[in-house]
Structure formats: structure tokens, C-alpha cells
Amino acid sequence: MSATGLEVFDKTLQTTNIWLDEIMADHGPDRRLAWHMLGAVLRTLRDWLQIELAANLGAELPLLVRGAYYDRYRPRDLPTSSRS
């Protein structure tokens, strides 16, 4: 039986837990810290990428992680200069 009753939520929870377990294997057993680390890295990457590339990356993320990725994202407030 599924944990939530909806396959899409079960899948995103499973994938997110796998990612968090991998972070915890390298950085210690604190799950909350692993979640914050994942979010910080993804948001930093998102802000450095061009808007189109950031959207493409976001589309590939699990649903739960995608929410953290887009949290407080304001593409119109990003610098307009391109990075190389």
C-alpha cells in the first residue's frame, strides 16, 4: 500500500529521500541539514543559470524538490548580464 495514496506523491517522496540519504552519507545524519543543503545548492545553481536553463533544470526535478527550487524565485529581479 502507498504511503500517501497518490503515486505522484509517493514517487517524489521516494526520490527526495534517496537524494537526502546520499547527502547525509557524506555530511552527517541530520536530515534537516541535508534538506537545507540541497535547497541552498539548487537555489544557487538556479540563480547562476540563464532563465531558460534554470527552467529546464526545474522541470527535471522531483515535485517536492521543485517546490524548494522555485521558492522565492523572481527571474525579473536577476541581473541581466550574462555569465560565462
PDB file of N, CA and C in Angstrom:
ATOM      1  N   MET A   1       0.840  -1.177   0.000  1.00  0.00           N
ATOM      2  CA  MET A   1       0.000   0.000   0.000  1.00  0.00           C
ATOM      3  C   MET A   1       0.887   1.243   0.000  1.00  0.00           C
ATOM      4  N   SER A   2       0.433   2.288  -0.655  1.00  0.00           N
ATOM      5  CA  SER A   2       1.227   3.505  -0.746  1.00  0.00           C
ATOM      6  C   SER A   2       1.085   4.340   0.525  1.00  0.00           C
ATOM      7  N   ALA A   3       2.090   5.160   0.748  1.00  0.00           N
ATOM      8  CA  ALA A   3       2.109   5.985   1.964  1.00  0.00           C
ATOM      9  C   ALA A   3       1.088   7.112   1.893  1.00  0.00           C
ATOM     10  N   THR A   4       0.901   7.699   0.719  1.00  0.00           N
ATOM     11  CA  THR A   4       0.005   8.850   0.594  1.00  0.00           C
ATOM     12  C   THR A   4      -1.284   8.531  -0.137  1.00  0.00           C
ATOM     13  N   GLY A   5      -1.309   7.447  -0.862  1.00  0.00           N
ATOM     14  CA  GLY A   5      -2.489   7.107  -1.652  1.00  0.00           C
ATOM     15  C   GLY A   5      -2.431   7.645  -3.069  1.00  0.00           C
ATOM     16  N   LEU A   6      -1.420   8.469  -3.362  1.00  0.00           N
ATOM     17  CA  LEU A   6      -1.236   9.004  -4.711  1.00  0.00           C
ATOM     18  C   LEU A   6       0.165   8.676  -5.193  1.00  0.00           C
ATOM     19  N   GLU A   7       0.241   8.047  -6.345  1.00  0.00           N
ATOM     20  CA  GLU A   7       1.524   7.587  -6.868  1.00  0.00           C
ATOM     21  C   GLU A   7       2.506   8.739  -7.078  1.00  0.00           C
ATOM     22  N   VAL A   8       2.033   9.881  -7.558  1.00  0.00           N
ATOM     23  CA  VAL A   8       2.922  11.011  -7.833  1.00  0.00           C
ATOM     24  C   VAL A   8       3.598  11.498  -6.547  1.00  0.00           C
ATOM     25  N   PHE A   9       2.872  11.515  -5.436  1.00  0.00           N
ATOM     26  CA  PHE A   9       3.468  11.937  -4.173  1.00  0.00           C
ATOM     27  C   PHE A   9       4.412  10.874  -3.627  1.00  0.00           C
ATOM     28  N   ASP A  10       4.042   9.613  -3.754  1.00  0.00           N
ATOM     29  CA  ASP A  10       4.913   8.533  -3.298  1.00  0.00           C
ATOM     30  C   ASP A  10       6.237   8.557  -4.055  1.00  0.00           C
ATOM     31  N   LYS A  11       6.182   8.785  -5.354  1.00  0.00           N
ATOM     32  CA  LYS A  11       7.385   8.811  -6.187  1.00  0.00           C
ATOM     33  C   LYS A  11       8.300   9.968  -5.790  1.00  0.00           C
ATOM     34  N   THR A  12       7.722  11.157  -5.595  1.00  0.00           N
ATOM     35  CA  THR A  12       8.555  12.305  -5.230  1.00  0.00           C
ATOM     36  C   THR A  12       9.141  12.153  -3.837  1.00  0.00           C
ATOM     37  N   LEU A  13       8.384  11.561  -2.904  1.00  0.00           N
ATOM     38  CA  LEU A  13       8.923  11.316  -1.567  1.00  0.00           C
ATOM     39  C   LEU A  13      10.069  10.308  -1.611  1.00  0.00           C
ATOM     40  N   GLN A  14       9.903   9.265  -2.408  1.00  0.00           N
ATOM     41  CA  GLN A  14      10.947   8.248  -2.524  1.00  0.00           C
ATOM     42  C   GLN A  14      12.217   8.844  -3.120  1.00  0.00           C
ATOM     43  N   THR A  15      12.081   9.582  -4.203  1.00  0.00           N
ATOM     44  CA  THR A  15      13.245  10.178  -4.861  1.00  0.00           C
ATOM     45  C   THR A  15      13.925  11.194  -3.950  1.00  0.00           C
ATOM     46  N   THR A  16      13.143  12.040  -3.295  1.00  0.00           N
ATOM     47  CA  THR A  16      13.705  13.037  -2.392  1.00  0.00           C
ATOM     48  C   THR A  16      14.439  12.369  -1.239  1.00  0.00           C
ATOM     49  N   ASN A  17      13.878  11.312  -0.683  1.00  0.00           N
ATOM     50  CA  ASN A  17      14.546  10.600   0.411  1.00  0.00           C
ATOM     51  C   ASN A  17      15.848   9.954  -0.040  1.00  0.00           C
ATOM     52  N   ILE A  18      15.884   9.469  -1.258  1.00  0.00           N
ATOM     53  CA  ILE A  18      17.134   8.901  -1.793  1.00  0.00           C
ATOM     54  C   ILE A  18      18.197   9.990  -1.882  1.00  0.00           C
ATOM     55  N   TRP A  19      17.823  11.145  -2.403  1.00  0.00           N
ATOM     56  CA  TRP A  19      18.770  12.262  -2.521  1.00  0.00           C
ATOM     57  C   TRP A  19      19.259  12.700  -1.149  1.00  0.00           C
ATOM     58  N   LEU A  20      18.331  12.828  -0.199  1.00  0.00           N
ATOM     59  CA  LEU A  20      18.717  13.250   1.147  1.00  0.00           C
ATOM     60  C   LEU A  20      19.622  12.210   1.806  1.00  0.00           C
ATOM     61  N   ASP A  21      19.343  10.929   1.596  1.00  0.00           N
ATOM     62  CA  ASP A  21      20.198   9.867   2.150  1.00  0.00           C
ATOM     63  C   ASP A  21      21.617   9.965   1.604  1.00  0.00           C
ATOM     64  N   GLU A  22      21.751  10.293   0.323  1.00  0.00           N
ATOM     65  CA  GLU A  22      23.081  10.426  -0.270  1.00  0.00           C
ATOM     66  C   GLU A  22      23.824  11.623   0.315  1.00  0.00           C
ATOM     67  N   ILE A  23      23.123  12.729   0.543  1.00  0.00           N
ATOM     68  CA  ILE A  23      23.750  13.892   1.170  1.00  0.00           C
ATOM     69  C   ILE A  23      24.149  13.556   2.596  1.00  0.00           C
ATOM     70  N   MET A  24      23.272  12.868   3.318  1.00  0.00           N
ATOM     71  CA  MET A  24      23.551  12.507   4.702  1.00  0.00           C
ATOM     72  C   MET A  24      24.727  11.535   4.811  1.00  0.00           C
ATOM     73  N   ALA A  25      24.914  10.706   3.819  1.00  0.00           N
ATOM     74  CA  ALA A  25      26.051   9.776   3.832  1.00  0.00           C
ATOM     75  C   ALA A  25      27.372  10.534   3.790  1.00  0.00           C
ATOM     76  N   ASP A  26      27.386  11.686   3.131  1.00  0.00           N
ATOM     77  CA  ASP A  26      28.611  12.478   3.024  1.00  0.00           C
ATOM     78  C   ASP A  26      28.768  13.519   4.123  1.00  0.00           C
ATOM     79  N   HIS A  27      27.647  14.020   4.667  1.00  0.00           N
ATOM     80  CA  HIS A  27      27.720  15.183   5.550  1.00  0.00           C
ATOM     81  C   HIS A  27      27.103  14.978   6.927  1.00  0.00           C
ATOM     82  N   GLY A  28      26.766  13.761   7.279  1.00  0.00           N
ATOM     83  CA  GLY A  28      26.250  13.500   8.619  1.00  0.00           C
ATOM     84  C   GLY A  28      24.771  13.160   8.635  1.00  0.00           C
ATOM     85  N   PRO A  29      24.296  12.696   9.786  1.00  0.00           N
ATOM     86  CA  PRO A  29      22.956  12.108   9.862  1.00  0.00           C
ATOM     87  C   PRO A  29      21.801  13.100  10.039  1.00  0.00           C
ATOM     88  N   ASP A  30      22.051  14.395   9.975  1.00  0.00           N
ATOM     89  CA  ASP A  30      20.988  15.377  10.191  1.00  0.00           C
ATOM     90  C   ASP A  30      20.185  15.584   8.900  1.00  0.00           C
ATOM     91  N   ARG A  31      18.966  15.049   8.872  1.00  0.00           N
ATOM     92  CA  ARG A  31      18.113  15.112   7.683  1.00  0.00           C
ATOM     93  C   ARG A  31      17.709  16.548   7.358  1.00  0.00           C
ATOM     94  N   ARG A  32      17.437  17.331   8.380  1.00  0.00           N
ATOM     95  CA  ARG A  32      17.046  18.731   8.167  1.00  0.00           C
ATOM     96  C   ARG A  32      18.198  19.505   7.528  1.00  0.00           C
ATOM     97  N   LEU A  33      19.411  19.266   8.002  1.00  0.00           N
ATOM     98  CA  LEU A  33      20.584  19.913   7.417  1.00  0.00           C
ATOM     99  C   LEU A  33      20.753  19.488   5.961  1.00  0.00           C
ATOM    100  N   ALA A  34      20.537  18.223   5.671  1.00  0.00           N
ATOM    101  CA  ALA A  34      20.640  17.731   4.296  1.00  0.00           C
ATOM    102  C   ALA A  34      19.625  18.425   3.401  1.00  0.00           C
ATOM    103  N   TRP A  35      18.406  18.631   3.901  1.00  0.00           N
ATOM    104  CA  TRP A  35      17.366  19.324   3.116  1.00  0.00           C
ATOM    105  C   TRP A  35      17.786  20.768   2.845  1.00  0.00           C
ATOM    106  N   HIS A  36      18.327  21.443   3.857  1.00  0.00           N
ATOM    107  CA  HIS A  36      18.770  22.824   3.673  1.00  0.00           C
ATOM    108  C   HIS A  36      19.952  22.908   2.708  1.00  0.00           C
ATOM    109  N   MET A  37      20.848  21.946   2.788  1.00  0.00           N
ATOM    110  CA  MET A  37      21.986  21.924   1.868  1.00  0.00           C
ATOM    111  C   MET A  37      21.521  21.722   0.436  1.00  0.00           C
ATOM    112  N   LEU A  38      20.614  20.780   0.235  1.00  0.00           N
ATOM    113  CA  LEU A  38      20.083  20.528  -1.105  1.00  0.00           C
ATOM    114  C   LEU A  38      19.424  21.786  -1.654  1.00  0.00           C
ATOM    115  N   GLY A  39      18.594  22.418  -0.854  1.00  0.00           N
ATOM    116  CA  GLY A  39      17.915  23.635  -1.295  1.00  0.00           C
ATOM    117  C   GLY A  39      18.881  24.760  -1.601  1.00  0.00           C
ATOM    118  N   ALA A  40      19.884  24.950  -0.752  1.00  0.00           N
ATOM    119  CA  ALA A  40      20.858  26.021  -0.965  1.00  0.00           C
ATOM    120  C   ALA A  40      21.635  25.824  -2.259  1.00  0.00           C
ATOM    121  N   VAL A  41      22.067  24.596  -2.505  1.00  0.00           N
ATOM    122  CA  VAL A  41      22.820  24.315  -3.735  1.00  0.00           C
ATOM    123  C   VAL A  41      21.939  24.526  -4.963  1.00  0.00           C
ATOM    124  N   LEU A  42      20.723  24.024  -4.927  1.00  0.00           N
ATOM    125  CA  LEU A  42      19.837  24.163  -6.082  1.00  0.00           C
ATOM    126  C   LEU A  42      19.467  25.618  -6.348  1.00  0.00           C
ATOM    127  N   ARG A  43      19.184  26.385  -5.293  1.00  0.00           N
ATOM    128  CA  ARG A  43      18.831  27.790  -5.499  1.00  0.00           C
ATOM    129  C   ARG A  43      20.019  28.601  -6.005  1.00  0.00           C
ATOM    130  N   THR A  44      21.222  28.290  -5.516  1.00  0.00           N
ATOM    131  CA  THR A  44      22.413  28.975  -6.005  1.00  0.00           C
ATOM    132  C   THR A  44      22.635  28.658  -7.478  1.00  0.00           C
ATOM    133  N   LEU A  45      22.517  27.401  -7.829  1.00  0.00           N
ATOM    134  CA  LEU A  45      22.650  27.000  -9.220  1.00  0.00           C
ATOM    135  C   LEU A  45      21.596  27.675 -10.087  1.00  0.00           C
ATOM    136  N   ARG A  46      20.352  27.684  -9.621  1.00  0.00           N
ATOM    137  CA  ARG A  46      19.242  28.314 -10.340  1.00  0.00           C
ATOM    138  C   ARG A  46      19.535  29.787 -10.628  1.00  0.00           C
ATOM    139  N   ASP A  47      20.074  30.492  -9.638  1.00  0.00           N
ATOM    140  CA  ASP A  47      20.317  31.921  -9.799  1.00  0.00           C
ATOM    141  C   ASP A  47      21.499  32.221 -10.709  1.00  0.00           C
ATOM    142  N   TRP A  48      22.403  31.256 -10.877  1.00  0.00           N
ATOM    143  CA  TRP A  48      23.548  31.450 -11.756  1.00  0.00           C
ATOM    144  C   TRP A  48      23.252  31.059 -13.208  1.00  0.00           C
ATOM    145  N   LEU A  49      22.253  30.214 -13.403  1.00  0.00           N
ATOM    146  CA  LEU A  49      21.919  29.775 -14.753  1.00  0.00           C
ATOM    147  C   LEU A  49      21.089  30.816 -15.484  1.00  0.00           C
ATOM    148  N   GLN A  50      21.137  30.774 -16.802  1.00  0.00           N
ATOM    149  CA  GLN A  50      20.225  31.587 -17.601  1.00  0.00           C
ATOM    150  C   GLN A  50      18.811  31.102 -17.315  1.00  0.00           C
ATOM    151  N   ILE A  51      17.847  31.987 -17.480  1.00  0.00           N
ATOM    152  CA  ILE A  51      16.463  31.684 -17.111  1.00  0.00           C
ATOM    153  C   ILE A  51      15.955  30.431 -17.817  1.00  0.00           C
ATOM    154  N   GLU A  52      16.242  30.284 -19.098  1.00  0.00           N
ATOM    155  CA  GLU A  52      15.763  29.118 -19.839  1.00  0.00           C
ATOM    156  C   GLU A  52      16.380  27.825 -19.305  1.00  0.00           C
ATOM    157  N   LEU A  53      17.671  27.861 -19.003  1.00  0.00           N
ATOM    158  CA  LEU A  53      18.341  26.676 -18.463  1.00  0.00           C
ATOM    159  C   LEU A  53      17.846  26.355 -17.055  1.00  0.00           C
ATOM    160  N   ALA A  54      17.589  27.398 -16.259  1.00  0.00           N
ATOM    161  CA  ALA A  54      17.062  27.181 -14.913  1.00  0.00           C
ATOM    162  C   ALA A  54      15.686  26.528 -14.979  1.00  0.00           C
ATOM    163  N   ALA A  55      14.868  26.944 -15.935  1.00  0.00           N
ATOM    164  CA  ALA A  55      13.538  26.344 -16.092  1.00  0.00           C
ATOM    165  C   ALA A  55      13.648  24.896 -16.556  1.00  0.00           C
ATOM    166  N   ASN A  56      14.587  24.615 -17.444  1.00  0.00           N
ATOM    167  CA  ASN A  56      14.781  23.236 -17.902  1.00  0.00           C
ATOM    168  C   ASN A  56      15.231  22.334 -16.751  1.00  0.00           C
ATOM    169  N   LEU A  57      16.129  22.828 -15.910  1.00  0.00           N
ATOM    170  CA  LEU A  57      16.562  22.051 -14.752  1.00  0.00           C
ATOM    171  C   LEU A  57      15.396  21.826 -13.799  1.00  0.00           C
ATOM    172  N   GLY A  58      14.634  22.869 -13.532  1.00  0.00           N
ATOM    173  CA  GLY A  58      13.490  22.754 -12.631  1.00  0.00           C
ATOM    174  C   GLY A  58      12.482  21.727 -13.099  1.00  0.00           C
ATOM    175  N   ALA A  59      12.299  21.631 -14.403  1.00  0.00           N
ATOM    176  CA  ALA A  59      11.339  20.676 -14.953  1.00  0.00           C
ATOM    177  C   ALA A  59      11.768  19.232 -14.730  1.00  0.00           C
ATOM    178  N   GLU A  60      13.047  19.000 -14.523  1.00  0.00           N
ATOM    179  CA  GLU A  60      13.566  17.648 -14.335  1.00  0.00           C
ATOM    180  C   GLU A  60      13.578  17.212 -12.872  1.00  0.00           C
ATOM    181  N   LEU A  61      13.359  18.133 -11.965  1.00  0.00           N
ATOM    182  CA  LEU A  61      13.437  17.813 -10.537  1.00  0.00           C
ATOM    183  C   LEU A  61      12.178  17.112 -10.050  1.00  0.00           C
ATOM    184  N   PRO A  62      12.308  16.297  -9.007  1.00  0.00           N
ATOM    185  CA  PRO A  62      11.112  15.708  -8.386  1.00  0.00           C
ATOM    186  C   PRO A  62      10.201  16.822  -7.859  1.00  0.00           C
ATOM    187  N   LEU A  63       8.924  16.556  -7.811  1.00  0.00           N
ATOM    188  CA  LEU A  63       7.924  17.555  -7.453  1.00  0.00           C
ATOM    189  C   LEU A  63       8.240  18.271  -6.142  1.00  0.00           C
ATOM    190  N   LEU A  64       8.585  17.547  -5.119  1.00  0.00           N
ATOM    191  CA  LEU A  64       8.868  18.128  -3.813  1.00  0.00           C
ATOM    192  C   LEU A  64      10.098  19.027  -3.862  1.00  0.00           C
ATOM    193  N   VAL A  65      11.144  18.574  -4.517  1.00  0.00           N
ATOM    194  CA  VAL A  65      12.375  19.349  -4.633  1.00  0.00           C
ATOM    195  C   VAL A  65      12.134  20.568  -5.527  1.00  0.00           C
ATOM    196  N   ARG A  66      11.312  20.426  -6.522  1.00  0.00           N
ATOM    197  CA  ARG A  66      10.987  21.533  -7.418  1.00  0.00           C
ATOM    198  C   ARG A  66      10.370  22.698  -6.648  1.00  0.00           C
ATOM    199  N   GLY A  67       9.563  22.393  -5.652  1.00  0.00           N
ATOM    200  CA  GLY A  67       8.979  23.442  -4.826  1.00  0.00           C
ATOM    201  C   GLY A  67      10.041  24.239  -4.094  1.00  0.00           C
ATOM    202  N   ALA A  68      11.041  23.560  -3.545  1.00  0.00           N
ATOM    203  CA  ALA A  68      12.141  24.245  -2.865  1.00  0.00           C
ATOM    204  C   ALA A  68      12.991  25.018  -3.868  1.00  0.00           C
ATOM    205  N   TYR A  69      13.160  24.464  -5.044  1.00  0.00           N
ATOM    206  CA  TYR A  69      13.964  25.089  -6.097  1.00  0.00           C
ATOM    207  C   TYR A  69      13.362  26.424  -6.519  1.00  0.00           C
ATOM    208  N   TYR A  70      12.063  26.483  -6.685  1.00  0.00           N
ATOM    209  CA  TYR A  70      11.408  27.701  -7.156  1.00  0.00           C
ATOM    210  C   TYR A  70      10.971  28.622  -6.023  1.00  0.00           C
ATOM    211  N   ASP A  71      11.191  28.237  -4.769  1.00  0.00           N
ATOM    212  CA  ASP A  71      10.795  29.072  -3.645  1.00  0.00           C
ATOM    213  C   ASP A  71      11.465  30.440  -3.742  1.00  0.00           C
ATOM    214  N   ARG A  72      10.662  31.500  -3.723  1.00  0.00           N
ATOM    215  CA  ARG A  72      11.116  32.903  -3.778  1.00  0.00           C
ATOM    216  C   ARG A  72      11.891  33.230  -5.044  1.00  0.00           C
ATOM    217  N   TYR A  73      11.647  32.546  -6.128  1.00  0.00           N
ATOM    218  CA  TYR A  73      12.331  32.802  -7.396  1.00  0.00           C
ATOM    219  C   TYR A  73      11.655  33.963  -8.105  1.00  0.00           C
ATOM    220  N   ARG A  74      12.426  34.982  -8.407  1.00  0.00           N
ATOM    221  CA  ARG A  74      11.931  36.157  -9.118  1.00  0.00           C
ATOM    222  C   ARG A  74      12.868  36.422 -10.301  1.00  0.00           C
ATOM    223  N   PRO A  75      12.604  35.790 -11.449  1.00  0.00           N
ATOM    224  CA  PRO A  75      13.539  35.931 -12.572  1.00  0.00           C
ATOM    225  C   PRO A  75      13.688  37.374 -13.040  1.00  0.00           C
ATOM    226  N   ARG A  76      12.677  38.203 -12.877  1.00  0.00           N
ATOM    227  CA  ARG A  76      12.798  39.592 -13.348  1.00  0.00           C
ATOM    228  C   ARG A  76      13.752  40.394 -12.465  1.00  0.00           C
ATOM    229  N   ASP A  77      14.053  39.901 -11.252  1.00  0.00           N
ATOM    230  CA  ASP A  77      14.958  40.607 -10.355  1.00  0.00           C
ATOM    231  C   ASP A  77      16.409  40.153 -10.491  1.00  0.00           C
ATOM    232  N   LEU A  78      16.661  39.202 -11.381  1.00  0.00           N
ATOM    233  CA  LEU A  78      18.024  38.698 -11.570  1.00  0.00           C
ATOM    234  C   LEU A  78      18.832  39.682 -12.404  1.00  0.00           C
ATOM    235  N   PRO A  79      20.145  39.684 -12.238  1.00  0.00           N
ATOM    236  CA  PRO A  79      20.988  40.539 -13.083  1.00  0.00           C
ATOM    237  C   PRO A  79      20.817  40.183 -14.553  1.00  0.00           C
ATOM    238  N   THR A  80      20.886  41.184 -15.410  1.00  0.00           N
ATOM    239  CA  THR A  80      20.679  40.947 -16.840  1.00  0.00           C
ATOM    240  C   THR A  80      21.958  40.578 -17.566  1.00  0.00           C
ATOM    241  N   SER A  81      23.117  40.807 -16.967  1.00  0.00           N
ATOM    242  CA  SER A  81      24.357  40.459 -17.647  1.00  0.00           C
ATOM    243  C   SER A  81      24.526  38.955 -17.702  1.00  0.00           C
ATOM    244  N   SER A  82      25.017  38.456 -18.823  1.00  0.00           N
ATOM    245  CA  SER A  82      25.225  37.027 -18.957  1.00  0.00           C
ATOM    246  C   SER A  82      26.540  36.631 -18.296  1.00  0.00           C
ATOM    247  N   ARG A  83      26.603  35.406 -17.872  1.00  0.00           N
ATOM    248  CA  ARG A  83      27.814  34.882 -17.223  1.00  0.00           C
ATOM    249  C   ARG A  83      28.460  33.884 -18.158  1.00  0.00           C
ATOM    250  N   SER A  84      29.764  33.813 -18.078  1.00  0.00           N
ATOM    251  CA  SER A  84      30.470  32.853 -18.931  1.00  0.00           C
ATOM    252  C   SER A  84      31.236  31.875 -18.071  1.00  0.00           C
TER     253      SER A  84
END
